[in-house]
Protein backbone atom coordinates (compact mmCIF):
# COMPACT_ATOMS: atom_id res chain seq x y z
CA MET A 1 121.83 73.01 75.15
CA SER A 2 123.33 71.48 78.28
CA THR A 3 121.10 70.76 81.23
CA THR A 4 123.85 70.18 83.76
CA THR A 5 124.27 72.30 86.85
CA ARG A 6 126.28 75.48 86.30
CA PRO A 7 129.85 75.05 87.59
CA THR A 8 129.87 78.56 89.07
CA GLN A 9 127.27 77.72 91.69
CA LYS A 10 127.95 76.84 95.29
CA PRO A 11 128.01 73.17 96.27
CA PRO A 12 124.39 71.92 96.58
CA THR A 13 122.89 71.72 100.02
CA SER A 14 119.85 69.83 101.25
CA ALA A 15 119.43 71.81 104.47
CA LEU A 16 116.04 73.51 104.45
CA THR A 17 115.67 76.44 106.82
CA PRO A 18 112.15 77.77 107.52
CA LYS A 19 112.84 80.64 105.09
CA LYS A 20 114.00 78.25 102.37
CA LEU A 21 111.05 75.95 102.93
CA TYR A 22 108.65 78.88 102.61
CA LEU A 23 110.31 80.05 99.40
CA VAL A 24 110.26 76.53 97.94
CA LEU A 25 106.54 76.19 98.68
CA TYR A 26 105.66 79.71 97.51
CA ASN A 27 107.63 79.49 94.27
CA SER A 28 106.45 75.94 93.53
CA ALA A 29 102.80 76.91 94.01
CA SER A 30 103.27 80.02 91.87
CA ALA A 31 104.96 78.04 89.09
CA VAL A 32 102.13 75.49 89.06
CA ALA A 33 99.49 78.22 89.06
CA TRP A 34 101.05 80.03 86.10
CA LEU A 35 101.58 76.74 84.26
CA THR A 36 97.86 76.15 84.70
CA VAL A 37 97.11 79.57 83.21
CA LEU A 38 99.40 78.89 80.25
CA GLY A 39 97.95 75.43 79.74
CA ARG A 40 94.37 76.66 79.75
CA VAL A 41 95.11 79.39 77.22
CA VAL A 42 97.09 77.14 74.87
CA VAL A 43 94.65 74.22 75.06
CA THR A 44 91.65 76.48 74.51
CA LEU A 45 93.24 78.21 71.52
CA ASN A 46 94.27 74.83 70.12
CA TYR A 47 90.89 73.21 70.66
CA LYS A 48 88.60 76.11 69.81
CA GLY A 49 90.85 78.11 67.51
CA ASP A 50 89.31 81.35 68.74
CA PRO A 51 90.50 83.64 71.58
CA PHE A 52 86.83 84.37 72.36
CA PHE A 53 86.72 81.24 74.56
CA VAL A 54 89.94 81.92 76.50
CA PRO A 55 88.46 84.18 79.23
CA LEU A 56 85.72 81.62 79.87
CA VAL A 57 88.26 79.12 81.18
CA VAL A 58 91.04 81.27 82.61
CA ASP A 59 89.88 84.81 83.45
CA ASN A 60 89.15 84.49 87.18
CA PHE A 61 91.95 82.03 87.81
CA ALA A 62 94.50 84.31 86.12
CA ARG A 63 93.29 87.29 88.14
CA VAL A 64 93.63 85.44 91.46
CA THR A 65 97.05 84.08 90.47
CA GLN A 66 98.32 87.55 89.57
CA THR A 67 96.87 89.07 92.74
CA PHE A 68 99.03 86.79 94.86
CA ALA A 69 102.04 88.49 93.28
CA VAL A 70 101.64 91.28 95.87
CA MET A 71 103.71 88.92 98.01
CA GLU A 72 106.62 89.77 95.72
CA ILE A 73 106.49 93.35 96.96
CA LEU A 74 106.40 92.22 100.58
CA HIS A 75 109.31 89.86 99.97
CA ALA A 76 111.38 92.71 98.53
CA LEU A 77 110.39 95.17 101.27
CA THR A 78 111.21 92.77 104.11
CA GLY A 79 114.38 91.40 102.57
CA VAL A 80 113.06 87.85 102.23
CA VAL A 81 114.53 87.96 98.72
CA PRO A 82 117.21 90.38 97.44
CA ALA A 83 114.95 91.97 94.83
CA PRO A 84 114.82 95.71 94.04
CA VAL A 85 111.65 97.16 95.55
CA PHE A 86 111.04 99.81 92.88
CA THR A 87 111.19 97.54 89.82
CA THR A 88 109.21 94.84 91.63
CA LEU A 89 106.53 97.37 92.54
CA MET A 90 106.39 98.68 88.96
CA GLN A 91 105.93 95.25 87.43
CA VAL A 92 103.33 94.02 89.90
CA ALA A 93 101.39 97.31 89.81
CA SER A 94 101.21 97.34 86.01
CA ARG A 95 99.83 93.82 85.92
CA LEU A 96 97.30 94.47 88.67
CA PHE A 97 96.20 97.53 86.71
CA LEU A 98 95.50 95.31 83.70
CA MET A 99 93.69 92.73 85.83
CA TYR A 100 91.48 95.10 87.83
CA ALA A 101 91.19 98.28 85.78
CA ILE A 102 90.98 96.80 82.28
CA THR A 103 90.02 93.12 82.10
CA LEU A 104 87.60 93.15 85.05
CA PRO A 105 85.42 96.20 84.22
CA PHE A 106 85.63 95.59 80.45
CA PRO A 107 85.31 91.81 79.94
CA GLN A 108 84.46 92.30 76.25
CA LEU A 109 88.15 93.07 75.69
CA ASN A 110 89.23 89.66 76.98
CA SER A 111 88.05 87.78 73.91
CA SER A 112 90.70 89.48 71.79
CA PHE A 113 94.02 88.06 70.63
CA TRP A 114 95.84 90.62 72.80
CA TYR A 115 94.42 89.19 76.01
CA SER A 116 95.59 85.68 75.09
CA SER A 117 99.04 86.86 74.04
CA MET A 118 99.37 88.89 77.23
CA LEU A 119 98.55 85.89 79.43
CA CYS A 120 100.87 83.62 77.43
CA ALA A 121 103.77 86.06 77.82
CA TRP A 122 103.11 86.54 81.53
CA ALA A 123 102.62 82.86 82.25
CA THR A 124 105.68 81.66 80.32
CA THR A 125 107.83 84.27 82.05
CA GLU A 126 106.56 83.30 85.48
CA VAL A 127 106.85 79.55 84.99
CA ILE A 128 110.51 80.05 84.11
CA ARG A 129 111.13 82.54 86.92
CA TYR A 130 109.44 80.64 89.74
CA THR A 131 110.95 77.32 88.67
CA TYR A 132 114.35 78.99 88.68
CA PHE A 133 113.78 80.24 92.22
CA VAL A 134 112.80 76.75 93.41
CA PHE A 135 116.06 75.27 92.11
CA LYS A 136 117.96 78.22 93.53
CA GLN A 137 116.97 77.24 97.07
CA PHE A 138 118.93 74.02 96.61
CA ASP A 139 121.84 75.71 94.75
CA ARG A 140 121.21 73.41 91.78
CA ILE A 141 120.09 75.43 88.78
CA PRO A 142 120.21 73.61 85.40
CA ALA A 143 122.24 75.57 82.86
CA SER A 144 119.34 75.59 80.40
CA LEU A 145 117.02 77.06 83.01
CA HIS A 146 119.63 79.65 83.95
CA TRP A 147 119.89 80.70 80.31
CA LEU A 148 116.10 80.91 79.93
CA ARG A 149 115.80 82.96 83.12
CA TYR A 150 118.02 85.69 81.68
CA SER A 151 117.19 85.36 77.97
CA ALA A 152 113.50 84.55 77.48
CA PHE A 153 112.51 88.12 78.37
CA LEU A 154 114.15 89.34 75.14
CA ILE A 155 111.11 87.96 73.30
CA LEU A 156 108.49 87.64 76.03
CA TYR A 157 108.76 91.18 77.42
CA PRO A 158 108.03 92.94 74.08
CA ILE A 159 105.09 90.57 73.51
CA GLY A 160 103.73 91.17 76.99
CA ILE A 161 104.10 94.93 77.05
CA SER A 162 102.70 95.30 73.51
CA SER A 163 99.67 93.28 74.57
CA GLU A 164 99.22 95.38 77.72
CA VAL A 165 99.36 98.62 75.74
CA ALA A 166 96.95 97.23 73.13
CA MET A 167 94.47 96.21 75.84
CA THR A 168 94.64 99.68 77.40
CA LEU A 169 94.22 101.36 74.01
CA ARG A 170 91.18 99.21 73.29
CA ALA A 171 89.68 100.34 76.59
CA LEU A 172 90.37 103.96 75.74
CA TRP A 173 89.51 104.07 72.03
CA GLY A 174 88.26 100.60 71.15
CA PRO A 175 85.30 98.33 71.99
CA ALA A 176 85.11 99.54 75.61
CA SER A 177 85.68 103.25 75.01
CA SER A 178 82.02 104.24 75.42
CA GLU A 179 81.86 102.46 78.78
CA ALA A 180 85.16 103.95 79.91
CA PHE A 181 83.94 107.48 79.21
CA ALA A 182 80.54 106.75 80.76
CA TRP A 183 81.99 105.08 83.82
CA SER A 184 83.71 108.19 85.14
CA SER A 185 84.81 111.52 83.70
CA TRP A 186 88.33 111.04 85.04
CA TYR A 187 88.79 107.44 83.99
CA PRO A 188 89.89 108.08 80.37
CA HIS A 189 92.44 110.57 81.67
CA ALA A 190 93.74 107.94 84.09
CA LEU A 191 94.10 105.46 81.23
CA GLY A 192 95.99 108.06 79.21
CA ALA A 193 98.32 108.72 82.13
CA VAL A 194 99.00 104.99 82.48
CA LEU A 195 99.79 104.73 78.78
CA LEU A 196 102.27 107.59 79.08
CA SER A 197 103.88 105.90 82.08
CA TYR A 198 104.69 102.90 79.90
CA ILE A 199 107.28 104.98 78.04
CA PRO A 200 109.71 105.49 80.96
CA GLY A 201 108.48 102.40 82.82
CA SER A 202 109.24 99.96 80.02
CA VAL A 203 112.68 101.50 79.53
CA VAL A 204 113.49 101.11 83.24
CA LEU A 205 112.25 97.52 83.47
CA TYR A 206 113.82 96.35 80.22
CA GLY A 207 117.06 98.10 81.10
CA HIS A 208 117.10 96.37 84.49
CA MET A 209 116.61 92.98 82.85
CA LEU A 210 119.35 93.65 80.30
CA LYS A 211 121.67 94.60 83.14
CA GLN A 212 120.83 91.35 84.93
CA ARG A 213 121.49 89.40 81.72
CA ARG A 214 124.91 91.00 81.30
CA LYS A 215 125.68 90.24 84.93
CA TYR A 216 124.75 86.55 84.82
CA LEU A 217 125.34 85.62 81.16
CA GLY A 218 127.59 88.30 79.71
CA ALA A 219 130.91 89.81 80.72
CA GLY A 220 129.69 90.28 84.27
CA ALA A 221 129.23 86.53 84.67
CA LYS A 222 132.99 86.01 84.66
CA GLY A 223 133.35 88.42 87.56
CA GLU A 224 130.62 86.61 89.45
CA GLU A 225 132.43 83.31 88.86
CA VAL A 226 135.69 84.69 90.23
CA LYS A 227 133.84 86.10 93.24
CA ASN A 228 132.17 82.76 93.94
CA GLN A 229 135.47 80.90 93.63
CA LYS A 230 137.08 83.21 96.17
CA LYS A 231 134.19 82.65 98.58
CA ARG A 232 134.63 78.88 98.32
CA GLN A 233 138.39 79.06 99.04
């Protein structure tokens, strides 16, 4: 697979405005943080061979890293980045739900395979995404990275969402079910409502990503190329 810069992009520029500098720093820090999460999970699984040890080395760090993603919502709301507010809010909210309503109150669930697979899917997705955004600030995106940005989700999203649903189910009917029912009378109902929301939510998010893929890699990419060529003339 080629790693050269895509020919459809604008000529590269080195001028860094305050907005660009902020986005470079934010996306770079986020990419490094998620790479750290991924590295800790993979190394622990490799070294120990048991997901039981994963939360011991990554749990708090992953939670803090994901919490900083609230900035994504602010970026979309304020127009710092041209991201759709609704889909951004859905994705960030679902992950914060897992971090603070599942993995935090029920740490016994974090030693399962589903927790490790969830973090691996999240982290791999975010390393690709944030790295892409760093290169985008300089208008120099390697073709391989561009392809990964709009293709990796085809595998990573089903893994991630399946893991999220499995974690929630284990809180509702699995190892943490007795605590969930004892914690509050309404809590199991809230978990059930969240599970139901995954049905339309996953369709909306996956559909949005497929639309983006068609736009930047499929038939829509040709139209974008023509549009960019006209802008440069």
